[in-house]
């Protein structure tokens, strides 16, 4: 090959390489347009957290509704009451599974006043749920009919009464300690919606204070009476509204206490 033809050869090679790279470029994505595996993984984790949060909220909402239904049907609808109790215990177990990290973190970290309060409430609520289930093994006539008859109705009724009413109270307090995040979100939005929610919340809480006295809850919480008295003339819907309003009242009181105990660091993560 002559020296004169060498530049033309090099030019041809560069042209051939350029055309090849162009062909590859049309077939393969450029480096900066390739999928970001890190970004895709973060997106998947975010979607998983959102699904987990949605599931937790759904379970908590169902638990709240079942608790109110349990208190409403305690002495007037035994069949429904027993099956609602089974549903409540099942939802409680699911709630613990979804919040299992709280149990593993019990002995870790520093205990603030708010965290100590949340821990006492959670452990008390768990004890009440176990007490209700244990006493149900003795008292049940419908949901657990297949079990052999067990002795101990004298203690089972007392335990069931105490655990039912204290479980309801502690569940409402537990919910109230988790209202910090929702309250902050509402405060950030502001406007007429925020004020409307606040006014409705206060109105329901006031009705709850009246209902607390009307339902004579203090008598059962202190075990001043081992028998629950119900007026058969009162509709179940009104009784359910009364118990729901008491739950709102207790949740509001717990939320206020959390803000007083730790106004700057109150976080819903202090409880499970």
C-alpha atoms as a PDB file:
ATOM      1  CA  UNK A   1       0.000   0.000   0.000  1.00  0.00           C
ATOM      2  CA  UNK A   2       1.342   3.420  -0.946  1.00  0.00           C
ATOM      3  CA  UNK A   3       1.767   6.290   1.525  1.00  0.00           C
ATOM      4  CA  UNK A   4      -0.706   8.354  -0.480  1.00  0.00           C
ATOM      5  CA  UNK A   5      -3.511   5.834  -0.006  1.00  0.00           C
ATOM      6  CA  UNK A   6      -2.942   5.368   3.777  1.00  0.00           C
ATOM      7  CA  UNK A   7      -4.943   8.449   4.885  1.00  0.00           C
ATOM      8  CA  UNK A   8      -7.875   7.268   2.824  1.00  0.00           C
ATOM      9  CA  UNK A   9      -7.728   3.860   4.537  1.00  0.00           C
ATOM     10  CA  UNK A  10      -7.685   5.435   8.004  1.00  0.00           C
ATOM     11  CA  UNK A  11     -10.598   7.685   7.019  1.00  0.00           C
ATOM     12  CA  UNK A  12     -12.533   4.675   5.772  1.00  0.00           C
ATOM     13  CA  UNK A  13     -11.878   2.810   9.011  1.00  0.00           C
ATOM     14  CA  UNK A  14     -13.084   5.757  11.079  1.00  0.00           C
ATOM     15  CA  UNK A  15     -16.195   6.004   8.927  1.00  0.00           C
ATOM     16  CA  UNK A  16     -16.805   2.257   9.318  1.00  0.00           C
ATOM     17  CA  UNK A  17     -16.363   2.478  13.094  1.00  0.00           C
ATOM     18  CA  UNK A  18     -18.665   5.483  13.210  1.00  0.00           C
ATOM     19  CA  UNK A  19     -21.360   3.670  11.269  1.00  0.00           C
ATOM     20  CA  UNK A  20     -21.010   0.619  13.498  1.00  0.00           C
ATOM     21  CA  UNK A  21     -21.302   2.689  16.654  1.00  0.00           C
ATOM     22  CA  UNK A  22     -24.303   4.450  15.171  1.00  0.00           C
ATOM     23  CA  UNK A  23     -25.942   1.118  14.480  1.00  0.00           C
ATOM     24  CA  UNK A  24     -25.237  -0.060  18.017  1.00  0.00           C
ATOM     25  CA  UNK A  25     -26.465   3.237  19.398  1.00  0.00           C
ATOM     26  CA  UNK A  26     -29.780   2.767  17.631  1.00  0.00           C
ATOM     27  CA  UNK A  27     -30.123  -0.760  18.993  1.00  0.00           C
ATOM     28  CA  UNK A  28     -28.902  -0.202  22.565  1.00  0.00           C
ATOM     29  CA  UNK A  29     -29.816   2.599  24.944  1.00  0.00           C
ATOM     30  CA  UNK A  30     -27.147   5.119  25.716  1.00  0.00           C
ATOM     31  CA  UNK A  31     -25.421   4.867  29.040  1.00  0.00           C
ATOM     32  CA  UNK A  32     -27.183   7.839  30.559  1.00  0.00           C
ATOM     33  CA  UNK A  33     -30.584   6.455  29.505  1.00  0.00           C
ATOM     34  CA  UNK A  34     -30.112   2.967  30.953  1.00  0.00           C
ATOM     35  CA  UNK A  35     -32.471   2.024  33.803  1.00  0.00           C
ATOM     36  CA  UNK A  36     -31.351   3.215  37.217  1.00  0.00           C
ATOM     37  CA  UNK A  37     -31.370   0.059  39.316  1.00  0.00           C
ATOM     38  CA  UNK A  38     -30.901   2.035  42.517  1.00  0.00           C
ATOM     39  CA  UNK A  39     -33.824   4.303  41.678  1.00  0.00           C
ATOM     40  CA  UNK A  40     -35.991   1.348  40.717  1.00  0.00           C
ATOM     41  CA  UNK A  41     -35.175  -0.403  44.004  1.00  0.00           C
ATOM     42  CA  UNK A  42     -35.973   2.724  45.989  1.00  0.00           C
ATOM     43  CA  UNK A  43     -39.285   3.021  44.140  1.00  0.00           C
ATOM     44  CA  UNK A  44     -40.153  -0.587  44.982  1.00  0.00           C
ATOM     45  CA  UNK A  45     -39.291  -0.042  48.632  1.00  0.00           C
ATOM     46  CA  UNK A  46     -41.420   3.101  48.689  1.00  0.00           C
ATOM     47  CA  UNK A  47     -44.373   1.241  47.169  1.00  0.00           C
ATOM     48  CA  UNK A  48     -43.925  -1.563  49.693  1.00  0.00           C
ATOM     49  CA  UNK A  49     -43.928   0.914  52.596  1.00  0.00           C
ATOM     50  CA  UNK A  50     -47.087   2.555  51.263  1.00  0.00           C
ATOM     51  CA  UNK A  51     -48.837  -0.831  50.998  1.00  0.00           C
ATOM     52  CA  UNK A  52     -47.705  -1.716  54.525  1.00  0.00           C
ATOM     53  CA  UNK A  53     -48.956   1.632  55.864  1.00  0.00           C
ATOM     54  CA  UNK A  54     -52.298   1.210  54.091  1.00  0.00           C
ATOM     55  CA  UNK A  55     -52.688  -2.306  55.512  1.00  0.00           C
ATOM     56  CA  UNK A  56     -51.906  -1.061  59.012  1.00  0.00           C
ATOM     57  CA  UNK A  57     -54.471   1.724  58.725  1.00  0.00           C
ATOM     58  CA  UNK A  58     -57.096  -0.726  57.455  1.00  0.00           C
ATOM     59  CA  UNK A  59     -56.443  -3.145  60.329  1.00  0.00           C
ATOM     60  CA  UNK A  60     -56.553  -0.314  62.880  1.00  0.00           C
ATOM     61  CA  UNK A  61     -59.827   1.035  61.456  1.00  0.00           C
ATOM     62  CA  UNK A  62     -61.386  -2.432  61.587  1.00  0.00           C
ATOM     63  CA  UNK A  63     -60.176  -2.880  65.169  1.00  0.00           C
ATOM     64  CA  UNK A  64     -61.724   0.429  66.210  1.00  0.00           C
ATOM     65  CA  UNK A  65     -65.068  -0.520  64.659  1.00  0.00           C
ATOM     66  CA  UNK A  66     -65.006  -3.994  66.209  1.00  0.00           C
ATOM     67  CA  UNK A  67     -64.168  -2.595  69.664  1.00  0.00           C
ATOM     68  CA  UNK A  68     -67.200  -0.310  69.529  1.00  0.00           C
ATOM     69  CA  UNK A  69     -69.409  -3.158  68.288  1.00  0.00           C
ATOM     70  CA  UNK A  70     -68.129  -5.405  71.087  1.00  0.00           C
ATOM     71  CA  UNK A  71     -69.003  -2.890  73.777  1.00  0.00           C
ATOM     72  CA  UNK A  72     -72.403  -2.269  72.194  1.00  0.00           C
ATOM     73  CA  UNK A  73     -73.416  -5.943  72.007  1.00  0.00           C
ATOM     74  CA  UNK A  74     -71.847  -7.049  75.316  1.00  0.00           C
ATOM     75  CA  UNK A  75     -75.104  -7.963  77.068  1.00  0.00           C
ATOM     76  CA  UNK A  76     -77.781  -7.943  74.378  1.00  0.00           C
ATOM     77  CA  UNK A  77     -76.382 -10.015  71.484  1.00  0.00           C
ATOM     78  CA  UNK A  78     -74.324 -12.911  72.837  1.00  0.00           C
ATOM     79  CA  UNK A  79     -73.891 -14.713  69.501  1.00  0.00           C
ATOM     80  CA  UNK A  80     -72.717 -11.598  67.665  1.00  0.00           C
ATOM     81  CA  UNK A  81     -70.636 -10.504  70.649  1.00  0.00           C
ATOM     82  CA  UNK A  82     -68.683 -13.751  70.765  1.00  0.00           C
ATOM     83  CA  UNK A  83     -67.885 -13.766  67.059  1.00  0.00           C
ATOM     84  CA  UNK A  84     -66.936 -10.115  67.168  1.00  0.00           C
ATOM     85  CA  UNK A  85     -64.591 -11.032  70.000  1.00  0.00           C
ATOM     86  CA  UNK A  86     -62.947 -13.692  67.838  1.00  0.00           C
ATOM     87  CA  UNK A  87     -62.554 -11.124  65.053  1.00  0.00           C
ATOM     88  CA  UNK A  88     -61.078  -8.587  67.478  1.00  0.00           C
ATOM     89  CA  UNK A  89     -58.493 -11.054  68.754  1.00  0.00           C
ATOM     90  CA  UNK A  90     -57.547 -12.079  65.204  1.00  0.00           C
ATOM     91  CA  UNK A  91     -57.134  -8.421  64.172  1.00  0.00           C
ATOM     92  CA  UNK A  92     -55.119  -7.813  67.335  1.00  0.00           C
ATOM     93  CA  UNK A  93     -52.722 -10.609  66.375  1.00  0.00           C
ATOM     94  CA  UNK A  94     -52.388  -9.184  62.850  1.00  0.00           C
ATOM     95  CA  UNK A  95     -51.719  -5.759  64.373  1.00  0.00           C
ATOM     96  CA  UNK A  96     -48.901  -7.205  66.463  1.00  0.00           C
ATOM     97  CA  UNK A  97     -47.365  -8.935  63.443  1.00  0.00           C
ATOM     98  CA  UNK A  98     -47.452  -5.712  61.430  1.00  0.00           C
ATOM     99  CA  UNK A  99     -45.854  -3.841  64.349  1.00  0.00           C
ATOM    100  CA  UNK A 100     -43.457  -6.580  65.465  1.00  0.00           C
ATOM    101  CA  UNK A 101     -40.509  -4.174  65.371  1.00  0.00           C
ATOM    102  CA  UNK A 102     -41.948  -2.412  68.397  1.00  0.00           C
ATOM    103  CA  UNK A 103     -41.601  -5.599  70.435  1.00  0.00           C
ATOM    104  CA  UNK A 104     -38.016  -6.185  69.305  1.00  0.00           C
ATOM    105  CA  UNK A 105     -37.123  -2.600  70.194  1.00  0.00           C
ATOM    106  CA  UNK A 106     -38.514  -2.668  73.737  1.00  0.00           C
ATOM    107  CA  UNK A 107     -35.077  -2.912  75.343  1.00  0.00           C
ATOM    108  CA  UNK A 108     -33.353  -0.547  72.931  1.00  0.00           C
ATOM    109  CA  UNK A 109     -32.935   3.183  72.980  1.00  0.00           C
ATOM    110  CA  UNK A 110     -33.681   5.810  75.597  1.00  0.00           C
ATOM    111  CA  UNK A 111     -37.032   5.935  77.358  1.00  0.00           C
ATOM    112  CA  UNK A 112     -38.599   9.371  77.414  1.00  0.00           C
ATOM    113  CA  UNK A 113     -41.750  10.103  79.419  1.00  0.00           C
ATOM    114  CA  UNK A 114     -43.851   9.791  76.266  1.00  0.00           C
ATOM    115  CA  UNK A 115     -42.283   6.493  75.271  1.00  0.00           C
ATOM    116  CA  UNK A 116     -42.769   5.135  78.798  1.00  0.00           C
ATOM    117  CA  UNK A 117     -46.439   6.137  78.675  1.00  0.00           C
ATOM    118  CA  UNK A 118     -46.902   4.455  75.303  1.00  0.00           C
ATOM    119  CA  UNK A 119     -45.176   1.299  76.522  1.00  0.00           C
ATOM    120  CA  UNK A 120     -47.374   1.036  79.620  1.00  0.00           C
ATOM    121  CA  UNK A 121     -50.504   1.541  77.495  1.00  0.00           C
ATOM    122  CA  UNK A 122     -49.427  -1.054  74.935  1.00  0.00           C
ATOM    123  CA  UNK A 123     -48.502  -3.702  77.488  1.00  0.00           C
ATOM    124  CA  UNK A 124     -51.707  -3.072  79.416  1.00  0.00           C
ATOM    125  CA  UNK A 125     -53.754  -3.389  76.236  1.00  0.00           C
ATOM    126  CA  UNK A 126     -51.998  -6.635  75.293  1.00  0.00           C
ATOM    127  CA  UNK A 127     -52.682  -8.006  78.787  1.00  0.00           C
ATOM    128  CA  UNK A 128     -56.361  -7.072  78.492  1.00  0.00           C
ATOM    129  CA  UNK A 129     -56.675  -8.800  75.128  1.00  0.00           C
ATOM    130  CA  UNK A 130     -55.088 -11.969  76.492  1.00  0.00           C
ATOM    131  CA  UNK A 131     -57.341 -11.793  79.564  1.00  0.00           C
ATOM    132  CA  UNK A 132     -60.449 -11.475  77.403  1.00  0.00           C
ATOM    133  CA  UNK A 133     -59.443 -14.437  75.280  1.00  0.00           C
ATOM    134  CA  UNK A 134     -58.559 -16.582  78.298  1.00  0.00           C
ATOM    135  CA  UNK A 135     -61.866 -15.832  80.001  1.00  0.00           C
ATOM    136  CA  UNK A 136     -63.712 -16.501  76.735  1.00  0.00           C
ATOM    137  CA  UNK A 137     -62.449 -20.078  76.813  1.00  0.00           C
ATOM    138  CA  UNK A 138     -64.573 -20.548  79.929  1.00  0.00           C
ATOM    139  CA  UNK A 139     -67.563 -18.348  79.116  1.00  0.00           C
ATOM    140  CA  UNK A 140     -68.100 -18.931  75.394  1.00  0.00           C
ATOM    141  CA  UNK A 141     -71.283 -20.754  74.386  1.00  0.00           C
ATOM    142  CA  UNK A 142     -71.329 -20.056  70.636  1.00  0.00           C
ATOM    143  CA  UNK A 143     -67.973 -19.320  68.995  1.00  0.00           C
ATOM    144  CA  UNK A 144     -66.069 -21.902  71.076  1.00  0.00           C
ATOM    145  CA  UNK A 145     -68.898 -24.392  71.559  1.00  0.00           C
ATOM    146  CA  UNK A 146     -66.644 -27.267  70.499  1.00  0.00           C
ATOM    147  CA  UNK A 147     -64.402 -26.859  73.557  1.00  0.00           C
ATOM    148  CA  UNK A 148     -65.065 -29.025  76.618  1.00  0.00           C
ATOM    149  CA  UNK A 149     -66.756 -27.271  79.528  1.00  0.00           C
ATOM    150  CA  UNK A 150     -64.214 -25.584  81.784  1.00  0.00           C
ATOM    151  CA  UNK A 151     -64.608 -24.626  85.413  1.00  0.00           C
ATOM    152  CA  UNK A 152     -63.943 -21.132  86.702  1.00  0.00           C
ATOM    153  CA  UNK A 153     -66.913 -19.051  85.579  1.00  0.00           C
ATOM    154  CA  UNK A 154     -66.671 -17.084  88.841  1.00  0.00           C
ATOM    155  CA  UNK A 155     -63.244 -15.646  87.964  1.00  0.00           C
ATOM    156  CA  UNK A 156     -63.786 -15.600  84.191  1.00  0.00           C
ATOM    157  CA  UNK A 157     -66.709 -13.155  84.436  1.00  0.00           C
ATOM    158  CA  UNK A 158     -64.755 -10.739  86.603  1.00  0.00           C
ATOM    159  CA  UNK A 159     -61.674 -10.926  84.382  1.00  0.00           C
ATOM    160  CA  UNK A 160     -63.751 -10.541  81.236  1.00  0.00           C
ATOM    161  CA  UNK A 161     -65.570  -7.507  82.607  1.00  0.00           C
ATOM    162  CA  UNK A 162     -62.399  -5.743  83.722  1.00  0.00           C
ATOM    163  CA  UNK A 163     -60.403  -6.579  80.609  1.00  0.00           C
ATOM    164  CA  UNK A 164     -63.251  -5.545  78.303  1.00  0.00           C
ATOM    165  CA  UNK A 165     -63.692  -2.063  79.736  1.00  0.00           C
ATOM    166  CA  UNK A 166     -60.025  -1.382  80.401  1.00  0.00           C
ATOM    167  CA  UNK A 167     -59.143  -2.797  76.977  1.00  0.00           C
ATOM    168  CA  UNK A 168     -61.559  -0.339  75.362  1.00  0.00           C
ATOM    169  CA  UNK A 169     -60.092   2.574  77.335  1.00  0.00           C
ATOM    170  CA  UNK A 170     -56.480   1.616  76.607  1.00  0.00           C
ATOM    171  CA  UNK A 171     -57.239   1.057  72.912  1.00  0.00           C
ATOM    172  CA  UNK A 172     -58.653   4.582  72.678  1.00  0.00           C
ATOM    173  CA  UNK A 173     -55.620   6.016  74.483  1.00  0.00           C
ATOM    174  CA  UNK A 174     -53.349   4.019  72.189  1.00  0.00           C
ATOM    175  CA  UNK A 175     -55.088   5.555  69.182  1.00  0.00           C
ATOM    176  CA  UNK A 176     -54.808   9.033  70.664  1.00  0.00           C
ATOM    177  CA  UNK A 177     -51.047   8.717  71.056  1.00  0.00           C
ATOM    178  CA  UNK A 178     -50.891   8.112  67.295  1.00  0.00           C
ATOM    179  CA  UNK A 179     -52.826  11.253  66.403  1.00  0.00           C
ATOM    180  CA  UNK A 180     -49.722  13.441  66.485  1.00  0.00           C
ATOM    181  CA  UNK A 181     -48.844  12.810  62.839  1.00  0.00           C
ATOM    182  CA  UNK A 182     -52.426  13.293  61.653  1.00  0.00           C
ATOM    183  CA  UNK A 183     -52.727  16.519  63.658  1.00  0.00           C
ATOM    184  CA  UNK A 184     -49.534  17.884  62.110  1.00  0.00           C
ATOM    185  CA  UNK A 185     -50.754  17.062  58.617  1.00  0.00           C
ATOM    186  CA  UNK A 186     -54.061  18.787  59.340  1.00  0.00           C
ATOM    187  CA  UNK A 187     -52.287  21.832  60.766  1.00  0.00           C
ATOM    188  CA  UNK A 188     -50.095  22.139  57.660  1.00  0.00           C
ATOM    189  CA  UNK A 189     -53.130  22.120  55.383  1.00  0.00           C
ATOM    190  CA  UNK A 190     -55.009  24.662  57.481  1.00  0.00           C
ATOM    191  CA  UNK A 191     -58.051  26.426  56.086  1.00  0.00           C
ATOM    192  CA  UNK A 192     -61.729  25.734  56.618  1.00  0.00           C
ATOM    193  CA  UNK A 193     -61.232  21.943  56.462  1.00  0.00           C
ATOM    194  CA  UNK A 194     -58.822  21.954  59.398  1.00  0.00           C
ATOM    195  CA  UNK A 195     -61.120  24.100  61.514  1.00  0.00           C
ATOM    196  CA  UNK A 196     -64.130  22.001  60.565  1.00  0.00           C
ATOM    197  CA  UNK A 197     -62.376  18.816  61.668  1.00  0.00           C
ATOM    198  CA  UNK A 198     -61.311  20.444  64.954  1.00  0.00           C
ATOM    199  CA  UNK A 199     -64.825  21.674  65.710  1.00  0.00           C
ATOM    200  CA  UNK A 200     -66.334  18.268  64.900  1.00  0.00           C
ATOM    201  CA  UNK A 201     -63.708  16.567  67.055  1.00  0.00           C
ATOM    202  CA  UNK A 202     -64.487  18.833  70.024  1.00  0.00           C
ATOM    203  CA  UNK A 203     -68.239  18.347  69.588  1.00  0.00           C
ATOM    204  CA  UNK A 204     -67.919  14.546  69.524  1.00  0.00           C
ATOM    205  CA  UNK A 205     -65.591  14.655  72.543  1.00  0.00           C
ATOM    206  CA  UNK A 206     -68.153  16.693  74.482  1.00  0.00           C
ATOM    207  CA  UNK A 207     -70.813  14.134  73.615  1.00  0.00           C
ATOM    208  CA  UNK A 208     -68.315  11.505  74.769  1.00  0.00           C
ATOM    209  CA  UNK A 209     -68.022  13.143  78.186  1.00  0.00           C
ATOM    210  CA  UNK A 210     -71.800  12.970  78.558  1.00  0.00           C
ATOM    211  CA  UNK A 211     -71.801   9.360  77.304  1.00  0.00           C
ATOM    212  CA  UNK A 212     -69.080   8.354  79.779  1.00  0.00           C
ATOM    213  CA  UNK A 213     -71.403   9.322  82.626  1.00  0.00           C
ATOM    214  CA  UNK A 214     -74.503   7.968  80.911  1.00  0.00           C
ATOM    215  CA  UNK A 215     -72.907   4.550  80.343  1.00  0.00           C
ATOM    216  CA  UNK A 216     -71.643   4.517  83.951  1.00  0.00           C
ATOM    217  CA  UNK A 217     -68.199   3.414  82.781  1.00  0.00           C
ATOM    218  CA  UNK A 218     -66.469   4.439  86.003  1.00  0.00           C
ATOM    219  CA  UNK A 219     -68.490   1.801  87.877  1.00  0.00           C
ATOM    220  CA  UNK A 220     -67.236  -1.008  85.653  1.00  0.00           C
ATOM    221  CA  UNK A 221     -63.665   0.252  85.400  1.00  0.00           C
ATOM    222  CA  UNK A 222     -63.398   0.201  89.195  1.00  0.00           C
ATOM    223  CA  UNK A 223     -65.349  -3.076  89.471  1.00  0.00           C
ATOM    224  CA  UNK A 224     -67.855  -1.423  91.765  1.00  0.00           C
ATOM    225  CA  UNK A 225     -70.406  -3.695  90.094  1.00  0.00           C
ATOM    226  CA  UNK A 226     -69.860  -7.106  88.543  1.00  0.00           C
ATOM    227  CA  UNK A 227     -73.023  -6.828  86.463  1.00  0.00           C
ATOM    228  CA  UNK A 228     -73.582  -4.546  83.487  1.00  0.00           C
ATOM    229  CA  UNK A 229     -76.952  -2.820  83.435  1.00  0.00           C
ATOM    230  CA  UNK A 230     -78.408  -1.988  80.022  1.00  0.00           C
ATOM    231  CA  UNK A 231     -81.606  -0.135  79.228  1.00  0.00           C
ATOM    232  CA  UNK A 232     -83.389  -2.268  76.596  1.00  0.00           C
ATOM    233  CA  UNK A 233     -85.304   0.799  75.399  1.00  0.00           C
ATOM    234  CA  UNK A 234     -82.116   2.456  74.120  1.00  0.00           C
ATOM    235  CA  UNK A 235     -81.449   1.588  70.430  1.00  0.00           C
ATOM    236  CA  UNK A 236     -78.201  -0.212  69.653  1.00  0.00           C
ATOM    237  CA  UNK A 237     -77.272   2.550  67.224  1.00  0.00           C
ATOM    238  CA  UNK A 238     -77.371   5.159  69.975  1.00  0.00           C
ATOM    239  CA  UNK A 239     -75.334   2.926  72.296  1.00  0.00           C
ATOM    240  CA  UNK A 240     -72.742   2.458  69.561  1.00  0.00           C
ATOM    241  CA  UNK A 241     -72.576   6.227  69.032  1.00  0.00           C
ATOM    242  CA  UNK A 242     -72.080   6.727  72.768  1.00  0.00           C
ATOM    243  CA  UNK A 243     -69.204   4.262  72.954  1.00  0.00           C
ATOM    244  CA  UNK A 244     -67.626   5.716  69.809  1.00  0.00           C
ATOM    245  CA  UNK A 245     -67.816   9.215  71.255  1.00  0.00           C
ATOM    246  CA  UNK A 246     -66.197   8.016  74.493  1.00  0.00           C
ATOM    247  CA  UNK A 247     -63.397   6.567  72.385  1.00  0.00           C
ATOM    248  CA  UNK A 248     -62.946   9.948  70.682  1.00  0.00           C
ATOM    249  CA  UNK A 249     -62.902  11.675  74.080  1.00  0.00           C
ATOM    250  CA  UNK A 250     -60.203   9.347  75.442  1.00  0.00           C
ATOM    251  CA  UNK A 251     -58.164   9.619  72.246  1.00  0.00           C
ATOM    252  CA  UNK A 252     -58.344  13.413  72.436  1.00  0.00           C
ATOM    253  CA  UNK A 253     -57.247  13.329  76.087  1.00  0.00           C
ATOM    254  CA  UNK A 254     -54.304  11.066  75.218  1.00  0.00           C
ATOM    255  CA  UNK A 255     -53.304  13.321  72.330  1.00  0.00           C
ATOM    256  CA  UNK A 256     -53.397  16.358  74.587  1.00  0.00           C
ATOM    257  CA  UNK A 257     -51.360  14.566  77.243  1.00  0.00           C
ATOM    258  CA  UNK A 258     -48.749  13.597  74.662  1.00  0.00           C
ATOM    259  CA  UNK A 259     -48.371  17.203  73.549  1.00  0.00           C
ATOM    260  CA  UNK A 260     -48.044  18.363  77.158  1.00  0.00           C
ATOM    261  CA  UNK A 261     -45.504  15.698  78.070  1.00  0.00           C
ATOM    262  CA  UNK A 262     -43.370  16.255  74.992  1.00  0.00           C
ATOM    263  CA  UNK A 263     -44.594  19.253  72.946  1.00  0.00           C
ATOM    264  CA  UNK A 264     -41.641  19.283  70.552  1.00  0.00           C
ATOM    265  CA  UNK A 265     -40.677  15.632  70.271  1.00  0.00           C
ATOM    266  CA  UNK A 266     -44.063  13.880  70.481  1.00  0.00           C
ATOM    267  CA  UNK A 267     -44.021  11.270  67.764  1.00  0.00           C
ATOM    268  CA  UNK A 268     -46.423   8.539  66.817  1.00  0.00           C
ATOM    269  CA  UNK A 269     -43.489   6.129  66.690  1.00  0.00           C
ATOM    270  CA  UNK A 270     -43.390   5.982  70.487  1.00  0.00           C
ATOM    271  CA  UNK A 271     -46.037   3.268  70.398  1.00  0.00           C
ATOM    272  CA  UNK A 272     -46.725   0.256  68.214  1.00  0.00           C
END
